[in-house]
Amino acid sequence: MILSAVEVLGSGSLTHINSVIFDEEAAYVNSWSLGQAYKVDLETGDLIWTLGEGGDFAADGAADTPWFSHAHSIEMVPEKEGSFLFYDNGPRSRGVSRVVEYTLDEQTMDAEITWEYPGDIAQDRWFNEAWGDVDPLENSNILVTAGNATMGDTQSRLFEVTREGMVVWEVVWGVNDGGDPMGSYAAERIPAVAVEL
């Protein structure tokens, strides 16, 4: 019974469950197809809440795009309780991907967008319909894996961005020698293996 809701949500490709994370009390499950994330009680398997369009939280009224769509990689933000990051691929009709952070108030059931990159879409416009990953780093920056370049999407890339919206570094790739699209589903920052002398 522990993960009964997770099993139901992930029982077929209809939901396209692509990430699950845990804390002491709950599992947090992201569905690419449904455009929603779920908090599931680990002890009972009950669904606690649904985040996303049509879910339990009120949308951020100040946001132009209040909900994620076709997202990957739900991640907790360690230094901000109740905050979650998503790689928001976005639908093809929107044509723009982004990284978005929600801070949730489980008392008032409000979902506030507390950070997104790019904040101004014209600043750094990209779109990757498939794949993607975000990771909060110890220095408060965000590591972004910008998916897979398919069907004429923007080139794939891996980059680190500050909370102020400055790209610290990036690696960009698009197609291999045969013209096939290339990408990366996810990336992780690992500690240095070399020791400074």
N, C-alpha and C. Protein backbone atom coordinates (compact mmCIF):
# COMPACT_ATOMS: atom_id res chain seq x y z
N MET A 1 0.81 -1.21 0.00
CA MET A 1 0.00 0.00 0.00
C MET A 1 0.84 1.26 0.00
N ILE A 2 2.11 1.17 0.30
CA ILE A 2 2.92 2.37 0.45
C ILE A 2 2.87 3.26 -0.78
N LEU A 3 2.99 2.69 -1.97
CA LEU A 3 3.02 3.50 -3.19
C LEU A 3 1.84 3.20 -4.10
N SER A 4 0.68 2.94 -3.53
CA SER A 4 -0.46 2.58 -4.37
C SER A 4 -0.82 3.69 -5.35
N ALA A 5 -0.78 4.96 -4.91
CA ALA A 5 -1.10 6.07 -5.82
C ALA A 5 -0.04 6.20 -6.90
N VAL A 6 1.23 6.00 -6.54
CA VAL A 6 2.31 6.05 -7.53
C VAL A 6 2.12 4.94 -8.56
N GLU A 7 1.76 3.74 -8.09
CA GLU A 7 1.54 2.63 -9.01
C GLU A 7 0.40 2.92 -9.98
N VAL A 8 -0.67 3.52 -9.49
CA VAL A 8 -1.80 3.86 -10.35
C VAL A 8 -1.39 4.92 -11.36
N LEU A 9 -0.71 5.95 -10.87
CA LEU A 9 -0.30 7.04 -11.76
C LEU A 9 0.69 6.56 -12.82
N GLY A 10 1.56 5.63 -12.44
CA GLY A 10 2.60 5.17 -13.36
C GLY A 10 2.28 3.87 -14.06
N SER A 11 1.00 3.52 -14.17
CA SER A 11 0.64 2.21 -14.68
C SER A 11 0.66 2.11 -16.20
N GLY A 12 0.91 3.18 -16.90
CA GLY A 12 0.94 3.10 -18.36
C GLY A 12 1.57 4.33 -18.96
N SER A 13 1.79 4.32 -20.27
CA SER A 13 2.44 5.45 -20.92
C SER A 13 1.53 6.66 -21.01
N LEU A 14 0.25 6.48 -20.70
CA LEU A 14 -0.68 7.60 -20.69
C LEU A 14 -0.18 8.72 -19.78
N THR A 15 0.42 8.37 -18.65
CA THR A 15 0.88 9.37 -17.69
C THR A 15 2.31 9.83 -17.94
N HIS A 16 3.15 8.96 -18.49
CA HIS A 16 4.56 9.23 -18.73
C HIS A 16 5.23 9.80 -17.47
N ILE A 17 5.20 9.02 -16.40
CA ILE A 17 5.90 9.41 -15.17
C ILE A 17 7.39 9.44 -15.46
N ASN A 18 8.04 10.59 -15.19
CA ASN A 18 9.46 10.69 -15.53
C ASN A 18 10.37 11.02 -14.36
N SER A 19 9.81 11.33 -13.19
CA SER A 19 10.67 11.54 -12.03
C SER A 19 9.87 11.35 -10.75
N VAL A 20 10.56 10.80 -9.75
CA VAL A 20 9.98 10.60 -8.42
C VAL A 20 11.08 10.93 -7.41
N ILE A 21 10.74 11.78 -6.44
CA ILE A 21 11.68 12.09 -5.36
C ILE A 21 10.96 11.84 -4.03
N PHE A 22 11.74 11.76 -2.95
CA PHE A 22 11.17 11.41 -1.65
C PHE A 22 11.69 12.33 -0.56
N ASP A 23 10.86 12.54 0.46
CA ASP A 23 11.34 13.02 1.74
C ASP A 23 10.90 12.00 2.78
N GLU A 24 10.94 12.36 4.06
CA GLU A 24 10.63 11.38 5.11
C GLU A 24 9.17 10.91 5.08
N GLU A 25 8.27 11.77 4.58
CA GLU A 25 6.84 11.49 4.67
C GLU A 25 6.15 11.21 3.34
N ALA A 26 6.75 11.66 2.23
CA ALA A 26 6.00 11.63 0.97
C ALA A 26 6.89 11.34 -0.23
N ALA A 27 6.23 10.88 -1.28
CA ALA A 27 6.85 10.78 -2.61
C ALA A 27 6.24 11.89 -3.45
N TYR A 28 7.07 12.50 -4.30
CA TYR A 28 6.63 13.55 -5.21
C TYR A 28 6.85 13.01 -6.62
N VAL A 29 5.77 12.95 -7.39
CA VAL A 29 5.76 12.24 -8.67
C VAL A 29 5.40 13.23 -9.77
N ASN A 30 6.15 13.24 -10.87
CA ASN A 30 5.86 14.16 -11.98
C ASN A 30 5.37 13.39 -13.20
N SER A 31 4.28 13.88 -13.81
CA SER A 31 3.72 13.29 -15.03
C SER A 31 3.88 14.23 -16.20
N TRP A 32 4.68 13.82 -17.18
CA TRP A 32 4.91 14.62 -18.39
C TRP A 32 3.62 14.78 -19.17
N SER A 33 2.88 13.71 -19.38
CA SER A 33 1.67 13.74 -20.21
C SER A 33 0.54 14.54 -19.58
N LEU A 34 0.37 14.42 -18.27
CA LEU A 34 -0.76 15.07 -17.61
C LEU A 34 -0.46 16.51 -17.19
N GLY A 35 0.83 16.89 -17.22
CA GLY A 35 1.19 18.25 -16.84
C GLY A 35 0.93 18.53 -15.37
N GLN A 36 1.12 17.51 -14.54
CA GLN A 36 0.88 17.66 -13.12
C GLN A 36 1.93 16.91 -12.31
N ALA A 37 2.10 17.35 -11.06
CA ALA A 37 2.93 16.65 -10.09
C ALA A 37 2.06 16.30 -8.89
N TYR A 38 2.44 15.25 -8.17
CA TYR A 38 1.60 14.70 -7.11
C TYR A 38 2.43 14.46 -5.85
N LYS A 39 1.83 14.75 -4.71
CA LYS A 39 2.43 14.39 -3.42
C LYS A 39 1.65 13.20 -2.88
N VAL A 40 2.38 12.10 -2.59
CA VAL A 40 1.77 10.85 -2.16
C VAL A 40 2.28 10.49 -0.77
N ASP A 41 1.38 10.20 0.15
CA ASP A 41 1.74 9.81 1.51
C ASP A 41 2.43 8.45 1.48
N LEU A 42 3.65 8.38 2.05
CA LEU A 42 4.42 7.13 2.02
C LEU A 42 3.81 6.04 2.89
N GLU A 43 3.16 6.41 3.97
CA GLU A 43 2.61 5.40 4.87
C GLU A 43 1.31 4.79 4.33
N THR A 44 0.42 5.64 3.82
CA THR A 44 -0.90 5.15 3.39
C THR A 44 -1.02 4.95 1.88
N GLY A 45 -0.15 5.61 1.10
CA GLY A 45 -0.27 5.56 -0.36
C GLY A 45 -1.32 6.52 -0.89
N ASP A 46 -1.91 7.33 -0.01
CA ASP A 46 -2.96 8.27 -0.43
C ASP A 46 -2.37 9.48 -1.15
N LEU A 47 -3.12 9.99 -2.09
CA LEU A 47 -2.76 11.21 -2.80
C LEU A 47 -3.06 12.39 -1.89
N ILE A 48 -2.03 13.21 -1.58
CA ILE A 48 -2.20 14.35 -0.69
C ILE A 48 -2.61 15.60 -1.47
N TRP A 49 -1.88 15.89 -2.56
CA TRP A 49 -2.25 17.01 -3.42
C TRP A 49 -1.76 16.80 -4.84
N THR A 50 -2.35 17.62 -5.73
CA THR A 50 -1.96 17.66 -7.14
C THR A 50 -1.55 19.09 -7.46
N LEU A 51 -0.38 19.25 -8.08
CA LEU A 51 0.12 20.56 -8.52
C LEU A 51 0.07 20.62 -10.03
N GLY A 52 -0.46 21.70 -10.57
CA GLY A 52 -0.54 21.89 -12.01
C GLY A 52 -1.94 22.34 -12.40
N GLU A 53 -2.12 22.62 -13.65
CA GLU A 53 -3.42 23.08 -14.12
C GLU A 53 -4.49 22.04 -13.80
N GLY A 54 -5.59 22.49 -13.18
CA GLY A 54 -6.66 21.58 -12.78
C GLY A 54 -6.41 20.89 -11.46
N GLY A 55 -5.31 21.23 -10.78
CA GLY A 55 -4.96 20.58 -9.52
C GLY A 55 -5.54 21.30 -8.31
N ASP A 56 -4.91 21.09 -7.17
CA ASP A 56 -5.43 21.58 -5.89
C ASP A 56 -4.97 22.99 -5.53
N PHE A 57 -3.94 23.51 -6.19
CA PHE A 57 -3.39 24.81 -5.84
C PHE A 57 -3.92 25.90 -6.76
N ALA A 58 -4.09 27.10 -6.19
CA ALA A 58 -4.44 28.27 -7.00
C ALA A 58 -3.20 28.72 -7.75
N ALA A 59 -3.37 29.10 -9.00
CA ALA A 59 -2.27 29.55 -9.84
C ALA A 59 -1.77 30.92 -9.39
N ASP A 60 -0.52 31.19 -9.71
CA ASP A 60 0.09 32.50 -9.44
C ASP A 60 -0.53 33.51 -10.40
N GLY A 61 -1.35 34.41 -9.87
CA GLY A 61 -2.05 35.38 -10.70
C GLY A 61 -1.15 36.38 -11.38
N ALA A 62 0.08 36.54 -10.89
CA ALA A 62 1.01 37.49 -11.49
C ALA A 62 1.81 36.90 -12.64
N ALA A 63 1.67 35.60 -12.88
CA ALA A 63 2.50 34.92 -13.88
C ALA A 63 1.83 34.90 -15.25
N ASP A 64 2.61 35.17 -16.30
CA ASP A 64 2.10 35.05 -17.67
C ASP A 64 1.81 33.60 -18.02
N THR A 65 2.69 32.69 -17.56
CA THR A 65 2.52 31.25 -17.78
C THR A 65 2.53 30.59 -16.41
N PRO A 66 1.37 30.47 -15.76
CA PRO A 66 1.35 30.02 -14.37
C PRO A 66 1.65 28.55 -14.15
N TRP A 67 1.47 27.69 -15.18
CA TRP A 67 1.67 26.26 -14.97
C TRP A 67 2.72 25.70 -15.91
N PHE A 68 3.43 24.68 -15.44
CA PHE A 68 4.36 23.94 -16.28
C PHE A 68 3.57 23.03 -17.21
N SER A 69 4.21 22.60 -18.30
CA SER A 69 3.57 21.69 -19.25
C SER A 69 4.62 20.77 -19.83
N HIS A 70 4.34 19.47 -19.85
CA HIS A 70 5.30 18.48 -20.37
C HIS A 70 6.65 18.59 -19.65
N ALA A 71 6.58 18.70 -18.31
CA ALA A 71 7.78 18.95 -17.52
C ALA A 71 8.54 17.67 -17.18
N HIS A 72 9.80 17.86 -16.82
CA HIS A 72 10.68 16.81 -16.32
C HIS A 72 11.28 17.26 -14.99
N SER A 73 11.80 16.30 -14.25
CA SER A 73 12.74 16.53 -13.16
C SER A 73 12.21 17.38 -12.02
N ILE A 74 11.20 16.93 -11.32
CA ILE A 74 10.80 17.62 -10.10
C ILE A 74 11.95 17.51 -9.10
N GLU A 75 12.32 18.62 -8.48
CA GLU A 75 13.41 18.66 -7.50
C GLU A 75 13.03 19.57 -6.35
N MET A 76 13.32 19.15 -5.12
CA MET A 76 13.14 20.02 -3.96
C MET A 76 14.29 21.01 -3.90
N VAL A 77 14.00 22.22 -3.45
CA VAL A 77 15.04 23.24 -3.25
C VAL A 77 15.43 23.20 -1.78
N PRO A 78 16.64 22.72 -1.47
CA PRO A 78 17.01 22.46 -0.07
C PRO A 78 16.88 23.67 0.85
N GLU A 79 17.27 24.85 0.38
CA GLU A 79 17.28 26.02 1.27
C GLU A 79 15.94 26.76 1.33
N LYS A 80 14.92 26.26 0.59
CA LYS A 80 13.62 26.93 0.57
C LYS A 80 12.51 25.90 0.79
N GLU A 81 12.07 25.77 2.02
CA GLU A 81 11.06 24.78 2.36
C GLU A 81 9.79 25.00 1.54
N GLY A 82 9.26 23.91 1.00
CA GLY A 82 8.03 23.99 0.21
C GLY A 82 8.25 24.44 -1.22
N SER A 83 9.52 24.49 -1.65
CA SER A 83 9.83 24.95 -3.01
C SER A 83 10.30 23.79 -3.88
N PHE A 84 9.84 23.80 -5.14
CA PHE A 84 10.16 22.74 -6.09
C PHE A 84 10.55 23.34 -7.43
N LEU A 85 11.59 22.77 -8.04
CA LEU A 85 12.03 23.16 -9.38
C LEU A 85 11.53 22.15 -10.39
N PHE A 86 11.25 22.62 -11.61
CA PHE A 86 10.88 21.77 -12.74
C PHE A 86 11.63 22.22 -13.99
N TYR A 87 12.00 21.26 -14.84
CA TYR A 87 12.39 21.60 -16.20
C TYR A 87 11.10 21.57 -17.01
N ASP A 88 10.59 22.75 -17.35
CA ASP A 88 9.31 22.90 -18.04
C ASP A 88 9.56 22.91 -19.55
N ASN A 89 9.47 21.72 -20.16
CA ASN A 89 9.70 21.65 -21.61
C ASN A 89 8.75 22.55 -22.37
N GLY A 90 7.48 22.57 -21.94
CA GLY A 90 6.47 23.35 -22.64
C GLY A 90 5.92 22.60 -23.83
N PRO A 91 4.68 22.89 -24.23
CA PRO A 91 4.11 22.23 -25.41
C PRO A 91 4.68 22.85 -26.69
N ARG A 92 4.61 22.11 -27.78
CA ARG A 92 5.09 22.61 -29.06
C ARG A 92 4.37 23.91 -29.44
N SER A 93 3.10 24.05 -29.08
CA SER A 93 2.35 25.27 -29.40
C SER A 93 2.92 26.50 -28.70
N ARG A 94 3.51 26.31 -27.50
CA ARG A 94 4.15 27.44 -26.80
C ARG A 94 5.52 27.71 -27.39
N GLY A 95 6.24 26.65 -27.73
CA GLY A 95 7.53 26.79 -28.40
C GLY A 95 8.65 27.35 -27.56
N VAL A 96 8.51 27.32 -26.24
CA VAL A 96 9.54 27.84 -25.34
C VAL A 96 9.66 26.92 -24.13
N SER A 97 10.89 26.57 -23.77
CA SER A 97 11.16 25.81 -22.55
C SER A 97 11.70 26.77 -21.49
N ARG A 98 11.65 26.34 -20.25
CA ARG A 98 12.15 27.17 -19.15
C ARG A 98 12.42 26.31 -17.93
N VAL A 99 13.06 26.90 -16.93
CA VAL A 99 13.19 26.32 -15.61
C VAL A 99 12.28 27.15 -14.71
N VAL A 100 11.47 26.50 -13.89
CA VAL A 100 10.52 27.24 -13.05
C VAL A 100 10.52 26.66 -11.64
N GLU A 101 10.47 27.58 -10.65
CA GLU A 101 10.42 27.20 -9.24
C GLU A 101 9.09 27.66 -8.65
N TYR A 102 8.41 26.73 -7.99
CA TYR A 102 7.17 27.03 -7.29
C TYR A 102 7.42 26.93 -5.79
N THR A 103 6.87 27.88 -5.03
CA THR A 103 6.84 27.76 -3.59
C THR A 103 5.37 27.55 -3.21
N LEU A 104 5.12 26.44 -2.53
CA LEU A 104 3.75 26.02 -2.24
C LEU A 104 3.38 26.33 -0.79
N ASP A 105 2.20 26.88 -0.60
CA ASP A 105 1.64 27.08 0.73
C ASP A 105 0.53 26.05 0.87
N GLU A 106 0.79 25.00 1.66
CA GLU A 106 -0.18 23.92 1.81
C GLU A 106 -1.33 24.28 2.75
N GLN A 107 -1.26 25.46 3.40
CA GLN A 107 -2.37 25.92 4.23
C GLN A 107 -3.39 26.67 3.36
N THR A 108 -2.89 27.63 2.56
CA THR A 108 -3.78 28.42 1.70
C THR A 108 -3.99 27.78 0.34
N MET A 109 -3.17 26.77 0.02
CA MET A 109 -3.20 26.06 -1.27
C MET A 109 -2.95 27.03 -2.43
N ASP A 110 -1.92 27.88 -2.24
CA ASP A 110 -1.45 28.79 -3.29
C ASP A 110 -0.11 28.30 -3.82
N ALA A 111 0.09 28.43 -5.13
CA ALA A 111 1.36 28.08 -5.77
C ALA A 111 1.94 29.35 -6.37
N GLU A 112 3.04 29.83 -5.78
CA GLU A 112 3.68 31.05 -6.27
C GLU A 112 4.93 30.71 -7.06
N ILE A 113 5.09 31.31 -8.24
CA ILE A 113 6.33 31.16 -8.98
C ILE A 113 7.34 32.12 -8.34
N THR A 114 8.37 31.55 -7.70
CA THR A 114 9.35 32.37 -6.99
C THR A 114 10.64 32.54 -7.76
N TRP A 115 10.80 31.81 -8.87
CA TRP A 115 11.97 32.01 -9.74
C TRP A 115 11.71 31.27 -11.05
N GLU A 116 12.16 31.87 -12.14
CA GLU A 116 12.15 31.15 -13.41
C GLU A 116 13.28 31.66 -14.28
N TYR A 117 13.76 30.80 -15.15
CA TYR A 117 14.77 31.18 -16.11
C TYR A 117 14.35 30.62 -17.47
N PRO A 118 14.31 31.46 -18.51
CA PRO A 118 14.57 32.89 -18.44
C PRO A 118 13.37 33.64 -17.88
N GLY A 119 13.64 34.66 -17.09
CA GLY A 119 12.56 35.49 -16.58
C GLY A 119 11.93 36.29 -17.72
N ASP A 120 12.76 36.76 -18.62
CA ASP A 120 12.27 37.47 -19.81
C ASP A 120 12.55 36.53 -20.98
N ILE A 121 11.49 36.00 -21.60
CA ILE A 121 11.64 34.98 -22.64
C ILE A 121 12.58 35.43 -23.76
N ALA A 122 12.59 36.71 -24.08
CA ALA A 122 13.45 37.21 -25.15
C ALA A 122 14.93 37.11 -24.78
N GLN A 123 15.21 37.03 -23.50
CA GLN A 123 16.59 37.01 -23.02
C GLN A 123 17.33 35.75 -23.47
N ASP A 124 16.70 34.62 -23.39
CA ASP A 124 17.37 33.34 -23.70
C ASP A 124 16.29 32.36 -24.14
N ARG A 125 15.92 32.42 -25.39
CA ARG A 125 14.80 31.62 -25.89
C ARG A 125 15.30 30.28 -26.40
N TRP A 126 14.76 29.19 -25.86
CA TRP A 126 15.09 27.86 -26.37
C TRP A 126 13.88 26.96 -26.22
N PHE A 127 13.87 25.86 -26.97
CA PHE A 127 12.78 24.90 -26.86
C PHE A 127 13.30 23.50 -27.12
N ASN A 128 13.04 22.61 -26.19
CA ASN A 128 13.34 21.19 -26.34
C ASN A 128 12.12 20.42 -25.87
N GLU A 129 11.43 19.80 -26.80
CA GLU A 129 10.20 19.08 -26.47
C GLU A 129 10.45 17.85 -25.61
N ALA A 130 11.60 17.22 -25.80
CA ALA A 130 11.89 15.97 -25.10
C ALA A 130 13.05 16.15 -24.12
N TRP A 131 12.99 15.39 -23.03
CA TRP A 131 14.04 15.28 -22.03
C TRP A 131 14.24 16.58 -21.27
N GLY A 132 15.21 16.59 -20.38
CA GLY A 132 15.54 17.78 -19.60
C GLY A 132 15.67 17.47 -18.13
N ASP A 133 16.45 18.30 -17.44
CA ASP A 133 16.74 18.08 -16.03
C ASP A 133 17.16 19.40 -15.40
N VAL A 134 16.86 19.55 -14.10
CA VAL A 134 17.35 20.68 -13.32
C VAL A 134 17.83 20.16 -11.97
N ASP A 135 18.88 20.77 -11.46
CA ASP A 135 19.40 20.40 -10.15
C ASP A 135 19.83 21.64 -9.40
N PRO A 136 19.31 21.87 -8.19
CA PRO A 136 19.84 22.95 -7.36
C PRO A 136 21.23 22.57 -6.87
N LEU A 137 22.16 23.51 -6.93
CA LEU A 137 23.54 23.25 -6.53
C LEU A 137 23.83 23.87 -5.16
N GLU A 138 24.91 23.42 -4.53
CA GLU A 138 25.27 23.91 -3.20
C GLU A 138 25.53 25.40 -3.18
N ASN A 139 25.97 25.97 -4.31
CA ASN A 139 26.25 27.41 -4.38
C ASN A 139 25.00 28.23 -4.71
N SER A 140 23.82 27.60 -4.69
CA SER A 140 22.51 28.20 -4.99
C SER A 140 22.25 28.39 -6.48
N ASN A 141 23.23 28.07 -7.33
CA ASN A 141 23.00 28.09 -8.77
C ASN A 141 22.16 26.88 -9.17
N ILE A 142 21.73 26.87 -10.43
CA ILE A 142 20.92 25.78 -10.96
C ILE A 142 21.65 25.17 -12.15
N LEU A 143 21.81 23.83 -12.13
CA LEU A 143 22.37 23.10 -13.26
C LEU A 143 21.21 22.67 -14.15
N VAL A 144 21.27 23.04 -15.44
CA VAL A 144 20.18 22.79 -16.37
C VAL A 144 20.66 21.91 -17.51
N THR A 145 19.95 20.82 -17.77
CA THR A 145 20.17 19.98 -18.94
C THR A 145 19.01 20.26 -19.88
N ALA A 146 19.30 20.98 -20.96
CA ALA A 146 18.24 21.45 -21.86
C ALA A 146 17.94 20.43 -22.94
N GLY A 147 17.56 19.25 -22.49
CA GLY A 147 16.91 18.25 -23.31
C GLY A 147 17.56 17.78 -24.58
N ASN A 148 16.70 17.45 -25.55
CA ASN A 148 17.10 16.78 -26.78
C ASN A 148 16.62 17.59 -27.98
N ALA A 149 17.51 17.88 -28.89
CA ALA A 149 17.14 18.62 -30.11
C ALA A 149 16.49 17.65 -31.09
N THR A 150 15.18 17.67 -31.14
CA THR A 150 14.44 16.82 -32.07
C THR A 150 13.49 17.68 -32.89
N MET A 151 13.15 17.23 -34.06
CA MET A 151 12.14 17.88 -34.89
C MET A 151 12.36 19.38 -35.04
N GLY A 152 13.62 19.79 -35.23
CA GLY A 152 13.92 21.20 -35.44
C GLY A 152 13.96 22.04 -34.19
N ASP A 153 13.99 21.39 -33.00
CA ASP A 153 14.07 22.15 -31.76
C ASP A 153 15.40 22.89 -31.68
N THR A 154 15.50 23.80 -30.71
CA THR A 154 16.75 24.49 -30.44
C THR A 154 17.82 23.47 -30.06
N GLN A 155 19.07 23.83 -30.27
CA GLN A 155 20.16 22.92 -29.92
C GLN A 155 20.09 22.51 -28.46
N SER A 156 20.55 21.30 -28.19
CA SER A 156 20.65 20.83 -26.82
C SER A 156 21.81 21.52 -26.13
N ARG A 157 21.71 21.67 -24.82
CA ARG A 157 22.82 22.27 -24.09
C ARG A 157 22.75 21.92 -22.62
N LEU A 158 23.88 22.09 -21.97
CA LEU A 158 24.04 21.91 -20.53
C LEU A 158 24.60 23.22 -20.03
N PHE A 159 23.97 23.80 -18.99
CA PHE A 159 24.49 25.08 -18.49
C PHE A 159 24.19 25.26 -17.01
N GLU A 160 24.93 26.17 -16.39
CA GLU A 160 24.73 26.55 -15.00
C GLU A 160 24.31 28.00 -14.99
N VAL A 161 23.24 28.31 -14.25
CA VAL A 161 22.71 29.67 -14.20
C VAL A 161 22.59 30.12 -12.75
N THR A 162 22.89 31.40 -12.50
CA THR A 162 22.75 31.94 -11.15
C THR A 162 21.30 32.34 -10.90
N ARG A 163 20.96 32.59 -9.66
CA ARG A 163 19.63 33.06 -9.29
C ARG A 163 19.34 34.44 -9.89
N GLU A 164 20.39 35.16 -10.26
CA GLU A 164 20.22 36.48 -10.89
C GLU A 164 20.04 36.36 -12.40
N GLY A 165 20.10 35.13 -12.93
CA GLY A 165 19.86 34.92 -14.35
C GLY A 165 21.09 34.99 -15.24
N MET A 166 22.29 34.89 -14.65
CA MET A 166 23.52 34.92 -15.44
C MET A 166 23.98 33.49 -15.71
N VAL A 167 24.23 33.17 -16.98
CA VAL A 167 24.76 31.86 -17.33
C VAL A 167 26.25 31.86 -17.02
N VAL A 168 26.67 30.98 -16.12
CA VAL A 168 28.07 30.90 -15.67
C VAL A 168 28.92 30.19 -16.71
N TRP A 169 28.41 29.10 -17.26
CA TRP A 169 29.08 28.35 -18.33
C TRP A 169 28.02 27.53 -19.05
N GLU A 170 28.35 27.11 -20.27
CA GLU A 170 27.45 26.24 -21.02
C GLU A 170 28.22 25.43 -22.06
N VAL A 171 27.65 24.28 -22.39
CA VAL A 171 28.12 23.43 -23.48
C VAL A 171 26.93 23.24 -24.40
N VAL A 172 27.13 23.46 -25.71
CA VAL A 172 26.04 23.38 -26.68
C VAL A 172 26.38 22.32 -27.72
N TRP A 173 25.37 21.51 -28.10
CA TRP A 173 25.54 20.56 -29.18
C TRP A 173 24.21 20.40 -29.89
N GLY A 174 24.25 19.94 -31.11
CA GLY A 174 23.00 19.82 -31.86
C GLY A 174 22.84 18.49 -32.57
N VAL A 175 23.66 18.22 -33.57
CA VAL A 175 23.54 16.99 -34.34
C VAL A 175 24.91 16.34 -34.46
N ASN A 176 24.91 15.01 -34.69
CA ASN A 176 26.18 14.33 -34.90
C ASN A 176 26.58 14.40 -36.37
N ASP A 177 27.69 13.76 -36.73
CA ASP A 177 28.19 13.82 -38.11
C ASP A 177 27.19 13.29 -39.12
N GLY A 178 26.31 12.38 -38.69
CA GLY A 178 25.31 11.82 -39.60
C GLY A 178 24.05 12.67 -39.70
N GLY A 179 24.02 13.78 -38.96
CA GLY A 179 22.84 14.65 -39.00
C GLY A 179 21.75 14.26 -38.02
N ASP A 180 22.02 13.25 -37.17
CA ASP A 180 21.03 12.83 -36.19
C ASP A 180 21.04 13.77 -34.98
N PRO A 181 19.86 14.10 -34.44
CA PRO A 181 19.82 14.97 -33.26
C PRO A 181 20.47 14.30 -32.07
N MET A 182 21.11 15.11 -31.24
CA MET A 182 21.77 14.62 -30.04
C MET A 182 21.25 15.38 -28.83
N GLY A 183 21.31 14.75 -27.68
CA GLY A 183 20.88 15.43 -26.48
C GLY A 183 21.31 14.67 -25.25
N SER A 184 20.86 15.15 -24.11
CA SER A 184 21.14 14.51 -22.85
C SER A 184 19.88 14.54 -22.00
N TYR A 185 19.49 13.41 -21.46
CA TYR A 185 18.29 13.35 -20.63
C TYR A 185 18.50 14.08 -19.32
N ALA A 186 19.66 13.87 -18.70
CA ALA A 186 19.94 14.46 -17.40
C ALA A 186 21.44 14.51 -17.17
N ALA A 187 21.86 15.36 -16.26
CA ALA A 187 23.26 15.46 -15.87
C ALA A 187 23.31 15.73 -14.37
N GLU A 188 24.41 15.37 -13.74
CA GLU A 188 24.59 15.59 -12.31
C GLU A 188 25.95 16.22 -12.06
N ARG A 189 26.03 17.12 -11.10
CA ARG A 189 27.31 17.67 -10.65
C ARG A 189 27.92 16.68 -9.68
N ILE A 190 29.14 16.26 -9.95
CA ILE A 190 29.82 15.33 -9.04
C ILE A 190 31.03 16.04 -8.43
N PRO A 191 31.43 15.64 -7.23
CA PRO A 191 32.60 16.28 -6.61
C PRO A 191 33.85 16.02 -7.44
N ALA A 192 34.78 16.95 -7.38
CA ALA A 192 36.05 16.81 -8.09
C ALA A 192 36.79 15.58 -7.59
N VAL A 193 37.40 14.84 -8.51
CA VAL A 193 38.18 13.67 -8.11
C VAL A 193 39.66 14.01 -7.95
N ALA A 194 40.07 15.16 -8.48
CA ALA A 194 41.46 15.59 -8.35
C ALA A 194 41.65 16.36 -7.05
N VAL A 195 42.82 16.26 -6.47
CA VAL A 195 43.14 16.99 -5.25
C VAL A 195 44.11 18.10 -5.59
N GLU A 196 43.78 19.32 -5.15
CA GLU A 196 44.66 20.46 -5.42
C GLU A 196 45.95 20.30 -4.62
N LEU A 197 47.08 20.47 -5.32
CA LEU A 197 48.38 20.34 -4.64
C LEU A 197 48.91 21.68 -4.15
